[in-house]
């Protein structure tokens, strides 16, 4: 599945959602909407978040499944938290 683009391929500016359409009846909603914060993560980061949720937040279990040390997985989570906070503070 393709990931929704979040950055303009021409100028690297952030993209916003401008139109939503119902595939059932064709109703359209127009406006300018921010993307949800998790959509701004790359695919690998999104998969990490999903795995975190699937493991009920157990970093120990994730480390076992990923074959990595607990501190490595903890650092990855800390990096994602910082990235999400940066996106949130950068909103206009």
C-alpha atoms as a PDB file:
ATOM      1  CA  UNK A   1       0.000   0.000   0.000  1.00  0.00           C
ATOM      2  CA  UNK A   2       1.249   3.481  -0.849  1.00  0.00           C
ATOM      3  CA  UNK A   3       1.816   5.943   1.967  1.00  0.00           C
ATOM      4  CA  UNK A   4      -0.032   9.228   1.705  1.00  0.00           C
ATOM      5  CA  UNK A   5       2.541  11.878   0.710  1.00  0.00           C
ATOM      6  CA  UNK A   6       3.133  14.530   3.374  1.00  0.00           C
ATOM      7  CA  UNK A   7       5.697  16.709   1.557  1.00  0.00           C
ATOM      8  CA  UNK A   8       5.356  18.483  -1.794  1.00  0.00           C
ATOM      9  CA  UNK A   9       7.489  16.735  -4.440  1.00  0.00           C
ATOM     10  CA  UNK A  10       8.243  20.101  -6.076  1.00  0.00           C
ATOM     11  CA  UNK A  11       9.232  22.372  -3.194  1.00  0.00           C
ATOM     12  CA  UNK A  12       9.386  20.146  -0.074  1.00  0.00           C
ATOM     13  CA  UNK A  13       6.689  22.192   1.727  1.00  0.00           C
ATOM     14  CA  UNK A  14       4.238  20.342   3.979  1.00  0.00           C
ATOM     15  CA  UNK A  15       1.085  19.088   2.267  1.00  0.00           C
ATOM     16  CA  UNK A  16      -2.401  19.518   3.756  1.00  0.00           C
ATOM     17  CA  UNK A  17      -5.603  17.637   3.054  1.00  0.00           C
ATOM     18  CA  UNK A  18      -7.822  19.788   0.822  1.00  0.00           C
ATOM     19  CA  UNK A  19     -10.713  17.501  -0.122  1.00  0.00           C
ATOM     20  CA  UNK A  20     -12.373  14.356   1.178  1.00  0.00           C
ATOM     21  CA  UNK A  21     -14.790  12.309  -0.900  1.00  0.00           C
ATOM     22  CA  UNK A  22     -17.286   9.591   0.047  1.00  0.00           C
ATOM     23  CA  UNK A  23     -16.775   6.649  -2.300  1.00  0.00           C
ATOM     24  CA  UNK A  24     -20.342   5.498  -1.700  1.00  0.00           C
ATOM     25  CA  UNK A  25     -22.391   8.598  -2.585  1.00  0.00           C
ATOM     26  CA  UNK A  26     -19.813  11.030  -3.978  1.00  0.00           C
ATOM     27  CA  UNK A  27     -20.279  13.698  -1.302  1.00  0.00           C
ATOM     28  CA  UNK A  28     -17.233  15.955  -1.100  1.00  0.00           C
ATOM     29  CA  UNK A  29     -15.934  18.028   1.809  1.00  0.00           C
ATOM     30  CA  UNK A  30     -13.453  20.784   0.961  1.00  0.00           C
ATOM     31  CA  UNK A  31     -11.183  22.814   3.203  1.00  0.00           C
ATOM     32  CA  UNK A  32      -7.638  22.832   4.476  1.00  0.00           C
ATOM     33  CA  UNK A  33      -6.943  20.269   7.174  1.00  0.00           C
ATOM     34  CA  UNK A  34      -3.743  19.234   8.915  1.00  0.00           C
ATOM     35  CA  UNK A  35      -2.693  15.608   8.618  1.00  0.00           C
ATOM     36  CA  UNK A  36      -2.885  13.564  11.813  1.00  0.00           C
ATOM     37  CA  UNK A  37       0.505  13.514  13.603  1.00  0.00           C
ATOM     38  CA  UNK A  38       1.026   9.781  13.046  1.00  0.00           C
ATOM     39  CA  UNK A  39       0.679  10.311   9.277  1.00  0.00           C
ATOM     40  CA  UNK A  40       3.777  12.504   9.409  1.00  0.00           C
ATOM     41  CA  UNK A  41       5.916   9.551  10.490  1.00  0.00           C
ATOM     42  CA  UNK A  42       7.648   7.432   7.863  1.00  0.00           C
ATOM     43  CA  UNK A  43       6.466   3.869   7.232  1.00  0.00           C
ATOM     44  CA  UNK A  44       9.044   2.277   9.557  1.00  0.00           C
ATOM     45  CA  UNK A  45       8.075   4.639  12.371  1.00  0.00           C
ATOM     46  CA  UNK A  46       4.366   3.950  11.834  1.00  0.00           C
ATOM     47  CA  UNK A  47       5.039   0.209  11.974  1.00  0.00           C
ATOM     48  CA  UNK A  48       6.949   0.697  15.238  1.00  0.00           C
ATOM     49  CA  UNK A  49       3.946   2.523  16.738  1.00  0.00           C
ATOM     50  CA  UNK A  50       1.593  -0.264  15.596  1.00  0.00           C
ATOM     51  CA  UNK A  51       3.890  -2.912  17.067  1.00  0.00           C
ATOM     52  CA  UNK A  52       4.032  -0.903  20.321  1.00  0.00           C
ATOM     53  CA  UNK A  53       0.223  -0.893  20.507  1.00  0.00           C
ATOM     54  CA  UNK A  54      -0.052  -4.574  19.576  1.00  0.00           C
ATOM     55  CA  UNK A  55       2.309  -5.371  22.462  1.00  0.00           C
ATOM     56  CA  UNK A  56       0.287  -3.256  24.923  1.00  0.00           C
ATOM     57  CA  UNK A  57       3.234  -0.906  25.311  1.00  0.00           C
ATOM     58  CA  UNK A  58       5.669  -3.625  26.407  1.00  0.00           C
ATOM     59  CA  UNK A  59       9.077  -2.513  25.183  1.00  0.00           C
ATOM     60  CA  UNK A  60      10.566  -5.685  26.645  1.00  0.00           C
ATOM     61  CA  UNK A  61       8.316  -7.827  24.435  1.00  0.00           C
ATOM     62  CA  UNK A  62       9.058  -5.640  21.414  1.00  0.00           C
ATOM     63  CA  UNK A  63      12.793  -5.969  22.020  1.00  0.00           C
ATOM     64  CA  UNK A  64      12.426  -9.763  22.132  1.00  0.00           C
ATOM     65  CA  UNK A  65      10.395  -9.826  18.904  1.00  0.00           C
ATOM     66  CA  UNK A  66      12.733  -7.442  17.103  1.00  0.00           C
ATOM     67  CA  UNK A  67      15.896  -9.163  18.312  1.00  0.00           C
ATOM     68  CA  UNK A  68      17.177  -5.865  19.738  1.00  0.00           C
ATOM     69  CA  UNK A  69      18.141  -4.719  23.194  1.00  0.00           C
ATOM     70  CA  UNK A  70      15.652  -2.996  25.471  1.00  0.00           C
ATOM     71  CA  UNK A  71      17.700   0.265  25.475  1.00  0.00           C
ATOM     72  CA  UNK A  72      17.718   0.293  21.644  1.00  0.00           C
ATOM     73  CA  UNK A  73      13.935  -0.050  21.499  1.00  0.00           C
ATOM     74  CA  UNK A  74      13.515   2.522  24.295  1.00  0.00           C
ATOM     75  CA  UNK A  75      15.721   4.986  22.374  1.00  0.00           C
ATOM     76  CA  UNK A  76      13.624   4.460  19.246  1.00  0.00           C
ATOM     77  CA  UNK A  77      10.463   5.231  21.213  1.00  0.00           C
ATOM     78  CA  UNK A  78      12.079   8.330  22.736  1.00  0.00           C
ATOM     79  CA  UNK A  79      13.078   9.501  19.242  1.00  0.00           C
ATOM     80  CA  UNK A  80       9.490   9.053  18.003  1.00  0.00           C
ATOM     81  CA  UNK A  81       8.098  10.953  20.981  1.00  0.00           C
ATOM     82  CA  UNK A  82      10.504  13.821  20.295  1.00  0.00           C
ATOM     83  CA  UNK A  83       9.598  13.835  16.595  1.00  0.00           C
ATOM     84  CA  UNK A  84       5.863  13.945  17.339  1.00  0.00           C
ATOM     85  CA  UNK A  85       6.370  16.756  19.870  1.00  0.00           C
ATOM     86  CA  UNK A  86       8.370  18.678  17.258  1.00  0.00           C
ATOM     87  CA  UNK A  87       5.534  18.288  14.740  1.00  0.00           C
ATOM     88  CA  UNK A  88       2.999  19.408  17.342  1.00  0.00           C
ATOM     89  CA  UNK A  89       5.013  22.490  18.331  1.00  0.00           C
ATOM     90  CA  UNK A  90       5.572  23.379  14.664  1.00  0.00           C
ATOM     91  CA  UNK A  91       1.826  23.608  13.912  1.00  0.00           C
ATOM     92  CA  UNK A  92       0.463  26.977  12.955  1.00  0.00           C
END
